[in-house]
Amino acid sequence: MKPQLIISPPRRRRVPFFQQHRRGLLVLTAGLLLTLGFYHWRSHQAVVPLQSPLPQDPYIQVYFNHSQASVYTDPYRRIQRHGDDLEQIIIDAINQAQTQIDVAVQEINLPKIALALKAKADAGIIVRVIIENQYNRVWQPLDAARFGQLETRDSDKHSERQRLIDADHNGTITAAELDSGDAIRILQQSGIPMMDDTADGSKGSGLMHHKFMVVDQRTVVAGSANWSLSGVHGDFADPESRGNANALMVFKSPQVATIFTDEFELMWGDGPAQQPDSRFGLQKPGRSPQTLALGSSQVTVQFSPLSETQPWSRSTNGLISQTLAQARQSIDLALFVFSDQGIANGLAPVVQSGVNLTVLIDPGFIYRSYSEALDLLGVATPDHRCRFEANNYPWPQSISTVGMPDLPPSDKLHHKFALIDNLTVIVGSHNWSAAANHNNDENLVIIRNPTVAAHFRREMERLSAGATLGFTADLRADLQRQRKVCGL
């Protein structure tokens, strides 16, 4: 028998992984490079103004931190972006001071502003500061247990403030960084007299919610912006953040300055650590609106709060309602909060008369059970206790021009403005709520001037682009869900 020749199968050549997946890896690498290249290009591409600047009134200048007509570099996050640099506008006003600076602002954490105030105090200028008591504290580290007990809003604020102070971004705050980066520490160490709304011997008014400064008894800087990172520039935690949408105005008028100084003096009394004669909240006397001519403008100023024992028509919200009732063509609202039933009720006949109403409200507030946006949309929803708001009035003839703007997730629509007939503007620190009306220290300014109004018209158009309006599917689902929970 012939021996069988056994031929082994050819040995399979081992192909290296790269050669085996060469095409896929090349495609993946190319895609990654393109992605990285896009973000590199995007981060280094020059940001240019998208609109031409509007004319400014010589006595009342208007600025927005999201303006598309201006570009600046965020001094803390080093981001080139659109917007008016509200912090620099405030600093410029401070730098012009020759005799005195009075500041009443709810929250101050921007160190460059604090350093500018310190420089003026060091030069012999009188500087006085009033802030809200919960923000009158130097940043302190928290251990994990204490940090974990904070509400999300408070933990976010603590983290953002830490990153603002941490100049070398190594996660550790040194004494030198605290001295140069913590606004409250800077003000305290400078010897600038400061007080908060506990100076009257109380635990604080509803909120010391003002955001104004008076310089040399002739210039007032006021608006809706707190002097904080989130109120002006944007959050470290979100590179897309551009700060809460806010307005800032500069009034060049001794008469307007006198009105705001009177409010400041009521709160200041004889200063900190003296007699408890400071007056905040309802301890202040109720005052009527003050109206004056300023160049071609008519300006009205009113301060809050007013006791609920007084007629609502005399309150700041009452003044808002009376001013809205004068509309003949259009009303545009951009509001952080809209929860005052009286204002909503007053708007109904105005809209029925043919006035066009557009309302934009912050996404975090628009669909809450107490939001008047629901009334305007013709619906109502129970709260977490399955109760409906007292005296609620969903409009029988609802409108669809109510909604929320498209904002970066961490930014808020912080405006408190109304634009009437493209001629009159209502603006200030005053939210359209009962708390602002009856508890907080607030200011409201009404300006009748087409040049000023044009700036708010442009801001309203910017906010309206991409806004979500009307009775949306998400709102319908939320209403059905809450009604089901409540067994309705």
Protein backbone atom coordinates (compact mmCIF):
# COMPACT_ATOMS: atom_id res chain seq x y z
CA MET A 1 0.00 0.00 0.00
CA LYS A 2 1.43 3.27 -1.03
CA PRO A 3 1.90 5.70 1.73
CA GLN A 4 -0.57 8.58 1.63
CA LEU A 5 0.79 12.00 1.16
CA ILE A 6 -0.84 14.28 3.67
CA ILE A 7 -0.74 17.89 2.67
CA SER A 8 -1.39 20.36 5.46
CA PRO A 9 -3.64 23.30 4.57
CA PRO A 10 -1.72 26.46 3.91
CA ARG A 11 -1.04 28.39 7.07
CA ARG A 12 -3.27 31.44 7.24
CA ARG A 13 -1.28 34.64 7.26
CA ARG A 14 -2.10 36.79 10.26
CA VAL A 15 -3.22 40.22 9.14
CA PRO A 16 -2.39 43.06 11.55
CA PHE A 17 -5.40 44.76 13.12
CA PHE A 18 -4.65 48.08 11.43
CA GLN A 19 -4.52 46.51 7.97
CA GLN A 20 -7.67 44.50 8.66
CA HIS A 21 -9.63 47.60 9.70
CA ARG A 22 -7.64 50.11 7.73
CA ARG A 23 -10.55 51.66 5.87
CA GLY A 24 -12.75 52.01 8.96
CA LEU A 25 -9.93 53.47 11.03
CA LEU A 26 -9.08 55.95 8.31
CA VAL A 27 -12.71 57.06 8.10
CA LEU A 28 -12.92 57.34 11.91
CA THR A 29 -9.66 59.29 12.09
CA ALA A 30 -10.74 61.61 9.31
CA GLY A 31 -14.04 62.24 11.05
CA LEU A 32 -12.30 62.96 14.35
CA LEU A 33 -9.87 65.36 12.71
CA LEU A 34 -12.70 67.13 10.94
CA THR A 35 -14.61 67.45 14.22
CA LEU A 36 -11.58 68.76 16.10
CA GLY A 37 -10.80 71.07 13.22
CA PHE A 38 -14.35 72.42 13.26
CA TYR A 39 -14.25 73.20 16.97
CA HIS A 40 -10.75 74.69 16.65
CA TRP A 41 -11.97 76.83 13.74
CA ARG A 42 -15.09 77.79 15.65
CA SER A 43 -13.18 78.75 18.79
CA HIS A 44 -10.70 80.89 16.82
CA GLN A 45 -13.10 82.39 14.33
CA ALA A 46 -13.53 86.12 14.86
CA VAL A 47 -16.91 87.13 16.25
CA VAL A 48 -18.23 90.17 14.43
CA PRO A 49 -21.27 92.37 15.07
CA LEU A 50 -24.37 91.15 13.26
CA GLN A 51 -26.21 94.48 13.40
CA SER A 52 -25.38 98.16 13.28
CA PRO A 53 -25.62 100.08 16.57
CA LEU A 54 -28.80 102.02 17.16
CA PRO A 55 -28.72 105.73 18.03
CA GLN A 56 -28.68 106.48 21.76
CA ASP A 57 -30.63 109.21 23.51
CA PRO A 58 -28.22 111.79 25.01
CA TYR A 59 -29.78 111.43 28.48
CA ILE A 60 -30.76 107.73 28.55
CA GLN A 61 -28.43 105.07 27.15
CA VAL A 62 -29.59 101.46 26.85
CA TYR A 63 -27.42 98.32 26.80
CA PHE A 64 -28.08 94.57 26.54
CA ASN A 65 -25.65 91.80 27.38
CA HIS A 66 -26.95 89.78 24.41
CA SER A 67 -26.90 92.62 21.87
CA GLN A 68 -25.98 91.47 18.37
CA ALA A 69 -24.56 94.91 17.54
CA SER A 70 -21.57 94.63 19.90
CA VAL A 71 -18.71 92.22 20.56
CA TYR A 72 -16.47 91.88 23.61
CA THR A 73 -14.28 89.33 25.37
CA ASP A 74 -15.57 87.91 28.64
CA PRO A 75 -12.75 88.92 31.04
CA TYR A 76 -13.11 85.81 33.20
CA ARG A 77 -13.85 82.96 30.79
CA ARG A 78 -11.88 84.57 27.92
CA ILE A 79 -14.71 83.96 25.47
CA GLN A 80 -15.22 86.36 22.58
CA ARG A 81 -18.93 86.89 22.25
CA HIS A 82 -21.77 89.15 21.18
CA GLY A 83 -23.21 91.58 23.69
CA ASP A 84 -22.61 94.86 25.46
CA ASP A 85 -20.06 94.44 28.26
CA LEU A 86 -22.33 95.50 31.13
CA GLU A 87 -19.55 95.13 33.69
CA GLN A 88 -17.32 97.57 31.81
CA ILE A 89 -20.19 100.04 31.44
CA ILE A 90 -20.65 99.93 35.23
CA ILE A 91 -16.90 100.34 35.78
CA ASP A 92 -16.77 103.29 33.38
CA ALA A 93 -19.48 105.02 35.41
CA ILE A 94 -17.58 104.29 38.63
CA ASN A 95 -14.36 105.68 37.16
CA GLN A 96 -16.08 108.99 36.36
CA ALA A 97 -16.97 109.61 40.02
CA GLN A 98 -15.58 112.77 41.59
CA THR A 99 -17.43 112.94 44.92
CA GLN A 100 -19.73 110.02 45.81
CA ILE A 101 -20.95 106.58 44.71
CA ASP A 102 -24.04 104.91 46.20
CA VAL A 103 -24.68 101.27 45.26
CA ALA A 104 -27.83 99.26 46.02
CA VAL A 105 -27.54 95.91 44.23
CA GLN A 106 -28.93 92.55 45.31
CA GLU A 107 -25.84 90.50 44.39
CA ILE A 108 -22.26 91.57 43.68
CA ASN A 109 -19.61 88.96 42.86
CA LEU A 110 -17.70 90.52 39.95
CA PRO A 111 -14.23 91.36 41.31
CA LYS A 112 -13.39 94.00 38.71
CA ILE A 113 -16.34 96.10 39.87
CA ALA A 114 -15.30 95.67 43.51
CA LEU A 115 -11.73 96.68 42.65
CA ALA A 116 -13.00 99.77 40.81
CA LEU A 117 -15.04 100.77 43.87
CA LYS A 118 -12.01 100.15 46.10
CA ALA A 119 -9.82 102.35 43.90
CA LYS A 120 -12.31 105.20 44.21
CA ALA A 121 -12.58 104.77 47.98
CA ASP A 122 -8.78 104.77 48.23
CA ALA A 123 -8.79 108.05 46.27
CA GLY A 124 -11.05 109.67 48.86
CA ILE A 125 -14.37 109.29 47.05
CA ILE A 126 -17.33 108.47 49.32
CA VAL A 127 -18.55 104.95 48.50
CA ARG A 128 -21.56 103.30 50.17
CA VAL A 129 -22.91 99.83 49.36
CA ILE A 130 -26.19 98.06 50.19
CA ILE A 131 -26.75 94.43 49.21
CA GLU A 132 -29.17 91.60 49.95
CA ASN A 133 -28.27 89.85 53.22
CA GLN A 134 -27.96 86.35 51.75
CA TYR A 135 -25.16 87.58 49.44
CA ASN A 136 -23.31 89.59 52.09
CA ARG A 137 -20.72 86.93 52.83
CA VAL A 138 -17.22 85.96 51.79
CA TRP A 139 -16.86 82.65 49.93
CA GLN A 140 -15.95 79.72 52.18
CA PRO A 141 -15.03 76.14 51.30
CA LEU A 142 -17.59 73.46 52.12
CA ASP A 143 -16.93 69.83 52.91
CA ALA A 144 -18.76 67.16 50.93
CA ALA A 145 -21.45 66.73 53.58
CA ARG A 146 -22.34 70.42 53.77
CA PHE A 147 -22.13 70.85 50.01
CA GLY A 148 -24.48 67.91 49.53
CA GLN A 149 -27.09 69.56 51.74
CA LEU A 150 -27.36 72.59 49.46
CA GLU A 151 -30.21 73.08 47.04
CA THR A 152 -29.12 72.74 43.41
CA ARG A 153 -29.34 76.50 42.85
CA ASP A 154 -27.13 77.21 45.87
CA SER A 155 -24.58 74.51 45.06
CA ASP A 156 -24.31 75.84 41.51
CA LYS A 157 -23.76 79.36 42.81
CA HIS A 158 -21.10 78.15 45.25
CA SER A 159 -19.24 76.27 42.52
CA GLU A 160 -19.43 79.16 40.06
CA ARG A 161 -18.13 81.59 42.64
CA GLN A 162 -15.26 79.23 43.47
CA ARG A 163 -14.24 79.04 39.81
CA LEU A 164 -14.45 82.82 39.53
CA ILE A 165 -12.11 83.32 42.50
CA ASP A 166 -9.72 80.48 41.56
CA ALA A 167 -7.49 82.55 39.26
CA ASP A 168 -5.05 79.74 38.36
CA HIS A 169 -7.88 77.19 38.02
CA ASN A 170 -6.12 74.57 40.13
CA GLY A 171 -9.14 73.84 42.32
CA THR A 172 -7.65 75.43 45.44
CA ILE A 173 -8.48 78.90 46.73
CA THR A 174 -5.54 80.72 48.29
CA ALA A 175 -5.74 83.73 50.60
CA ALA A 176 -4.29 85.89 47.82
CA GLU A 177 -6.94 84.70 45.37
CA LEU A 178 -9.66 85.43 47.91
CA ASP A 179 -8.27 88.94 48.47
CA SER A 180 -8.24 89.73 44.75
CA GLY A 181 -11.13 87.62 43.45
CA ASP A 182 -13.91 87.67 46.05
CA ALA A 183 -15.93 90.86 45.55
CA ILE A 184 -17.31 90.93 49.10
CA ARG A 185 -13.86 90.35 50.60
CA ILE A 186 -12.46 93.19 48.47
CA LEU A 187 -15.19 95.57 49.61
CA GLN A 188 -14.82 94.57 53.27
CA GLN A 189 -11.04 94.93 53.30
CA SER A 190 -11.21 98.29 51.53
CA GLY A 191 -13.11 99.77 54.46
CA ILE A 192 -16.07 100.71 52.27
CA PRO A 193 -19.15 101.01 54.52
CA MET A 194 -21.59 98.24 53.65
CA MET A 195 -24.93 97.08 54.93
CA ASP A 196 -27.70 94.68 54.03
CA ASP A 197 -31.42 94.51 54.70
CA THR A 198 -30.92 93.22 58.25
CA ALA A 199 -29.63 96.67 59.27
CA ASP A 200 -33.16 97.64 60.35
CA GLY A 201 -33.03 95.02 63.10
CA SER A 202 -35.06 92.48 61.14
CA LYS A 203 -34.09 89.20 59.49
CA GLY A 204 -34.26 91.00 56.17
CA SER A 205 -36.95 92.39 53.91
CA GLY A 206 -38.59 90.14 51.34
CA LEU A 207 -35.58 90.79 49.11
CA MET A 208 -33.35 93.82 48.74
CA HIS A 209 -33.81 93.37 45.00
CA HIS A 210 -32.57 96.72 43.67
CA LYS A 211 -29.90 96.89 40.98
CA PHE A 212 -28.91 100.58 40.85
CA MET A 213 -26.00 102.95 41.41
CA VAL A 214 -25.95 106.73 41.77
CA VAL A 215 -22.75 108.57 40.85
CA ASP A 216 -22.06 112.18 41.89
CA GLN A 217 -25.77 112.93 42.25
CA ARG A 218 -26.08 113.19 38.47
CA THR A 219 -25.78 109.71 36.92
CA VAL A 220 -27.90 106.63 37.62
CA VAL A 221 -27.03 103.13 36.40
CA ALA A 222 -30.02 100.80 36.72
CA GLY A 223 -31.70 97.82 35.12
CA SER A 224 -32.45 94.14 35.59
CA ALA A 225 -28.88 92.82 35.92
CA ASN A 226 -27.28 91.71 39.14
CA TRP A 227 -23.57 92.46 39.23
CA SER A 228 -22.70 88.79 39.02
CA LEU A 229 -21.08 86.39 36.58
CA SER A 230 -24.38 84.75 35.63
CA GLY A 231 -26.14 88.11 35.50
CA VAL A 232 -23.66 89.65 33.08
CA HIS A 233 -21.23 87.30 31.31
CA GLY A 234 -22.23 83.63 31.71
CA ASP A 235 -21.43 80.51 33.71
CA PHE A 236 -18.13 78.62 33.85
CA ALA A 237 -20.03 75.32 33.85
CA ASP A 238 -21.49 75.98 30.40
CA PRO A 239 -19.23 77.41 27.65
CA GLU A 240 -22.37 78.24 25.64
CA SER A 241 -23.75 80.39 28.48
CA ARG A 242 -23.84 84.11 27.73
CA GLY A 243 -25.41 85.26 30.98
CA ASN A 244 -29.02 85.82 31.91
CA ALA A 245 -30.67 88.13 29.36
CA ASN A 246 -30.58 91.57 30.98
CA ALA A 247 -30.82 95.29 30.26
CA LEU A 248 -28.78 98.12 31.74
CA MET A 249 -29.57 101.82 31.45
CA VAL A 250 -27.51 104.91 32.20
CA PHE A 251 -29.51 108.02 33.09
CA LYS A 252 -27.64 111.33 32.95
CA SER A 253 -29.93 113.46 35.05
CA PRO A 254 -29.59 115.13 38.47
CA GLN A 255 -33.38 114.88 38.85
CA VAL A 256 -33.43 111.11 38.32
CA ALA A 257 -30.37 110.82 40.58
CA THR A 258 -32.19 112.68 43.36
CA ILE A 259 -35.15 110.30 43.16
CA PHE A 260 -32.92 107.23 43.47
CA THR A 261 -30.78 108.85 46.18
CA ASP A 262 -33.88 109.43 48.31
CA GLU A 263 -34.63 105.69 48.09
CA PHE A 264 -31.03 104.88 49.00
CA GLU A 265 -31.09 107.20 52.03
CA LEU A 266 -34.24 105.55 53.40
CA MET A 267 -32.45 102.20 53.39
CA TRP A 268 -29.10 103.59 54.57
CA GLY A 269 -30.30 105.59 57.57
CA ASP A 270 -27.20 106.73 59.43
CA GLY A 271 -25.13 103.84 58.13
CA PRO A 272 -23.91 100.46 59.41
CA ALA A 273 -23.24 99.80 63.08
CA GLN A 274 -25.12 102.94 64.08
CA GLN A 275 -28.74 103.43 65.12
CA PRO A 276 -31.19 100.87 63.65
CA ASP A 277 -32.92 103.57 61.63
CA SER A 278 -32.51 101.94 58.24
CA ARG A 279 -35.80 101.16 56.54
CA PHE A 280 -36.32 98.27 54.17
CA GLY A 281 -39.39 96.61 52.74
CA LEU A 282 -42.67 97.71 54.25
CA GLN A 283 -40.91 99.85 56.84
CA LYS A 284 -40.42 102.42 54.09
CA PRO A 285 -43.29 104.85 53.51
CA GLY A 286 -45.50 104.29 50.50
CA ARG A 287 -44.72 106.83 47.80
CA SER A 288 -46.52 107.89 44.67
CA PRO A 289 -44.89 107.70 41.23
CA GLN A 290 -42.68 110.66 40.32
CA THR A 291 -42.75 111.92 36.73
CA LEU A 292 -40.32 114.33 35.09
CA ALA A 293 -39.22 115.54 31.67
CA LEU A 294 -35.73 114.53 30.58
CA GLY A 295 -34.80 115.97 27.21
CA SER A 296 -37.38 114.59 24.80
CA SER A 297 -38.35 111.83 27.26
CA GLN A 298 -41.01 111.53 29.90
CA VAL A 299 -39.70 109.45 32.81
CA THR A 300 -41.73 108.02 35.70
CA VAL A 301 -40.16 106.27 38.71
CA GLN A 302 -41.88 104.26 41.43
CA PHE A 303 -40.49 102.17 44.27
CA SER A 304 -41.86 99.05 45.95
CA PRO A 305 -43.19 97.63 48.19
CA LEU A 306 -46.67 98.79 49.14
CA SER A 307 -48.73 97.16 51.87
CA GLU A 308 -51.58 94.90 50.81
CA THR A 309 -53.81 97.04 53.03
CA GLN A 310 -53.46 99.84 50.47
CA PRO A 311 -55.39 99.92 47.17
CA TRP A 312 -53.70 97.75 44.54
CA SER A 313 -54.11 100.58 42.02
CA ARG A 314 -51.58 102.63 44.02
CA SER A 315 -48.97 99.89 43.89
CA THR A 316 -46.21 99.37 41.34
CA ASN A 317 -48.17 96.54 39.72
CA GLY A 318 -51.15 98.87 39.58
CA LEU A 319 -49.02 101.43 37.75
CA ILE A 320 -47.88 98.73 35.31
CA SER A 321 -51.51 97.82 34.59
CA GLN A 322 -52.54 101.44 34.09
CA THR A 323 -49.65 102.00 31.68
CA LEU A 324 -50.44 98.87 29.66
CA ALA A 325 -54.05 100.01 29.36
CA GLN A 326 -52.85 103.02 27.35
CA ALA A 327 -51.70 100.79 24.46
CA ARG A 328 -53.36 101.36 21.11
CA GLN A 329 -51.44 99.07 18.77
CA SER A 330 -49.05 96.63 20.43
CA ILE A 331 -47.67 95.34 23.72
CA ASP A 332 -44.51 93.22 23.89
CA LEU A 333 -43.49 91.65 27.20
CA ALA A 334 -40.19 89.99 28.12
CA LEU A 335 -40.48 88.82 31.72
CA PHE A 336 -38.64 86.58 34.15
CA VAL A 337 -41.85 86.04 36.12
CA PHE A 338 -45.46 86.97 35.37
CA SER A 339 -47.70 85.97 38.27
CA ASP A 340 -49.77 89.05 39.14
CA GLN A 341 -53.44 88.29 38.50
CA GLY A 342 -54.45 91.94 38.43
CA ILE A 343 -52.11 92.76 35.55
CA ALA A 344 -53.33 89.73 33.57
CA ASN A 345 -56.96 90.67 34.17
CA GLY A 346 -56.27 94.22 33.04
CA LEU A 347 -54.69 93.01 29.81
CA ALA A 348 -57.77 91.05 28.72
CA PRO A 349 -59.92 94.04 27.63
CA VAL A 350 -56.88 95.70 26.05
CA VAL A 351 -56.33 92.68 23.81
CA GLN A 352 -60.06 92.41 23.07
CA SER A 353 -59.93 96.00 21.81
CA GLY A 354 -57.52 94.91 19.07
CA VAL A 355 -54.09 95.50 20.62
CA ASN A 356 -51.53 92.86 19.59
CA LEU A 357 -49.95 91.19 22.63
CA THR A 358 -46.75 89.11 22.57
CA VAL A 359 -45.43 87.62 25.81
CA LEU A 360 -42.12 85.85 26.39
CA ILE A 361 -41.45 84.36 29.83
CA ASP A 362 -38.48 82.51 31.26
CA PRO A 363 -38.74 78.74 30.56
CA GLY A 364 -38.33 77.98 34.26
CA PHE A 365 -41.47 79.92 35.19
CA ILE A 366 -43.77 80.00 32.20
CA TYR A 367 -45.81 76.85 32.92
CA ARG A 368 -45.91 76.96 36.72
CA SER A 369 -49.39 76.77 38.19
CA TYR A 370 -49.33 80.44 39.24
CA SER A 371 -48.01 81.75 35.91
CA GLU A 372 -50.31 84.18 34.13
CA ALA A 373 -49.07 82.71 30.85
CA LEU A 374 -51.56 79.89 31.45
CA ASP A 375 -54.38 82.41 31.84
CA LEU A 376 -53.49 84.06 28.55
CA LEU A 377 -53.40 80.63 26.87
CA GLY A 378 -56.85 79.90 28.29
CA VAL A 379 -55.88 77.02 30.60
CA ALA A 380 -55.32 76.29 34.29
CA THR A 381 -53.38 73.63 36.13
CA PRO A 382 -53.42 72.62 39.81
CA ASP A 383 -50.30 73.04 41.92
CA HIS A 384 -48.43 70.29 43.79
CA ARG A 385 -51.19 70.33 46.43
CA CYS A 386 -53.78 69.85 43.68
CA ARG A 387 -55.17 73.32 44.26
CA PHE A 388 -55.93 75.94 41.64
CA GLU A 389 -54.70 79.50 42.07
CA ALA A 390 -57.20 81.73 43.86
CA ASN A 391 -59.09 84.15 41.61
CA ASN A 392 -57.63 82.46 38.55
CA TYR A 393 -59.06 83.66 35.23
CA PRO A 394 -58.16 81.65 32.09
CA TRP A 395 -59.01 83.86 29.14
CA PRO A 396 -62.12 82.70 27.25
CA GLN A 397 -60.57 84.24 24.13
CA SER A 398 -57.06 82.88 24.50
CA ILE A 399 -54.07 84.04 22.47
CA SER A 400 -51.27 82.00 20.93
CA THR A 401 -48.51 84.64 21.05
CA VAL A 402 -47.33 83.53 24.49
CA GLY A 403 -44.20 81.46 24.91
CA MET A 404 -40.55 81.21 25.83
CA PRO A 405 -37.33 82.18 24.06
CA ASP A 406 -34.64 79.75 22.95
CA LEU A 407 -31.82 80.21 25.48
CA PRO A 408 -28.71 78.24 26.48
CA PRO A 409 -29.78 75.78 29.21
CA SER A 410 -28.06 77.60 32.07
CA ASP A 411 -29.22 81.11 31.10
CA LYS A 412 -32.46 82.79 32.14
CA LEU A 413 -34.72 85.38 30.61
CA HIS A 414 -34.15 87.84 33.45
CA HIS A 415 -35.77 90.86 31.79
CA LYS A 416 -38.66 92.72 33.37
CA PHE A 417 -39.66 94.92 30.46
CA ALA A 418 -42.72 95.91 28.49
CA LEU A 419 -42.72 97.74 25.17
CA ILE A 420 -45.92 99.63 24.37
CA ASP A 421 -46.70 100.90 20.86
CA ASN A 422 -42.94 100.97 20.16
CA LEU A 423 -42.88 104.20 22.14
CA THR A 424 -43.09 103.49 25.88
CA VAL A 425 -40.88 101.15 27.92
CA ILE A 426 -41.52 99.73 31.39
CA VAL A 427 -38.31 98.44 32.95
CA GLY A 428 -36.44 98.05 36.25
CA SER A 429 -35.71 95.48 38.95
CA HIS A 430 -39.41 94.85 39.66
CA ASN A 431 -40.71 91.39 38.68
CA TRP A 432 -44.42 91.23 37.87
CA SER A 433 -45.31 89.35 41.04
CA ALA A 434 -47.02 89.87 44.38
CA ALA A 435 -43.70 89.43 46.21
CA ALA A 436 -42.13 92.31 44.31
CA ASN A 437 -45.24 94.42 44.83
CA HIS A 438 -45.75 93.86 48.54
CA ASN A 439 -42.44 92.69 50.06
CA ASN A 440 -39.29 93.54 48.13
CA ASP A 441 -37.20 96.67 47.73
CA GLU A 442 -37.68 97.37 44.01
CA ASN A 443 -37.65 100.10 41.41
CA LEU A 444 -39.72 100.57 38.27
CA VAL A 445 -39.00 103.10 35.52
CA ILE A 446 -41.36 104.06 32.69
CA ILE A 447 -39.76 105.85 29.74
CA ARG A 448 -41.69 107.44 26.91
CA ASN A 449 -39.13 107.91 24.14
CA PRO A 450 -39.00 106.33 20.65
CA THR A 451 -35.18 106.27 20.58
CA VAL A 452 -35.04 104.30 23.82
CA ALA A 453 -37.96 102.12 22.72
CA ALA A 454 -36.13 101.13 19.52
CA HIS A 455 -33.47 99.34 21.58
CA PHE A 456 -36.11 97.26 23.34
CA ARG A 457 -37.84 96.59 20.01
CA ARG A 458 -34.61 95.07 18.71
CA GLU A 459 -34.12 92.99 21.86
CA MET A 460 -37.68 91.70 21.62
CA GLU A 461 -37.09 90.70 18.00
CA ARG A 462 -33.91 88.86 19.01
CA LEU A 463 -35.71 86.96 21.75
CA SER A 464 -38.65 86.14 19.49
CA ALA A 465 -36.44 84.50 16.87
CA GLY A 466 -36.76 80.77 17.51
CA ALA A 467 -39.16 81.24 20.43
CA THR A 468 -41.68 78.51 21.25
CA LEU A 469 -45.19 79.97 21.26
CA GLY A 470 -48.73 78.83 21.94
CA PHE A 471 -50.34 75.75 23.40
CA THR A 472 -47.55 73.26 22.77
CA ALA A 473 -47.62 69.47 22.91
CA ASP A 474 -45.31 69.59 25.95
CA LEU A 475 -47.70 71.91 27.77
CA ARG A 476 -50.64 69.68 26.90
CA ALA A 477 -48.79 66.63 28.25
CA ASP A 478 -47.85 68.48 31.45
CA LEU A 479 -51.44 69.54 32.04
CA GLN A 480 -52.74 66.02 31.47
CA ARG A 481 -50.10 64.56 33.77
CA GLN A 482 -50.83 66.96 36.63
CA ARG A 483 -54.59 66.53 36.29
CA LYS A 484 -54.16 62.76 36.38
CA VAL A 485 -52.04 63.02 39.53
CA CYS A 486 -54.79 65.10 41.12
CA GLY A 487 -57.55 62.80 39.91
CA LEU A 488 -59.19 65.48 37.80
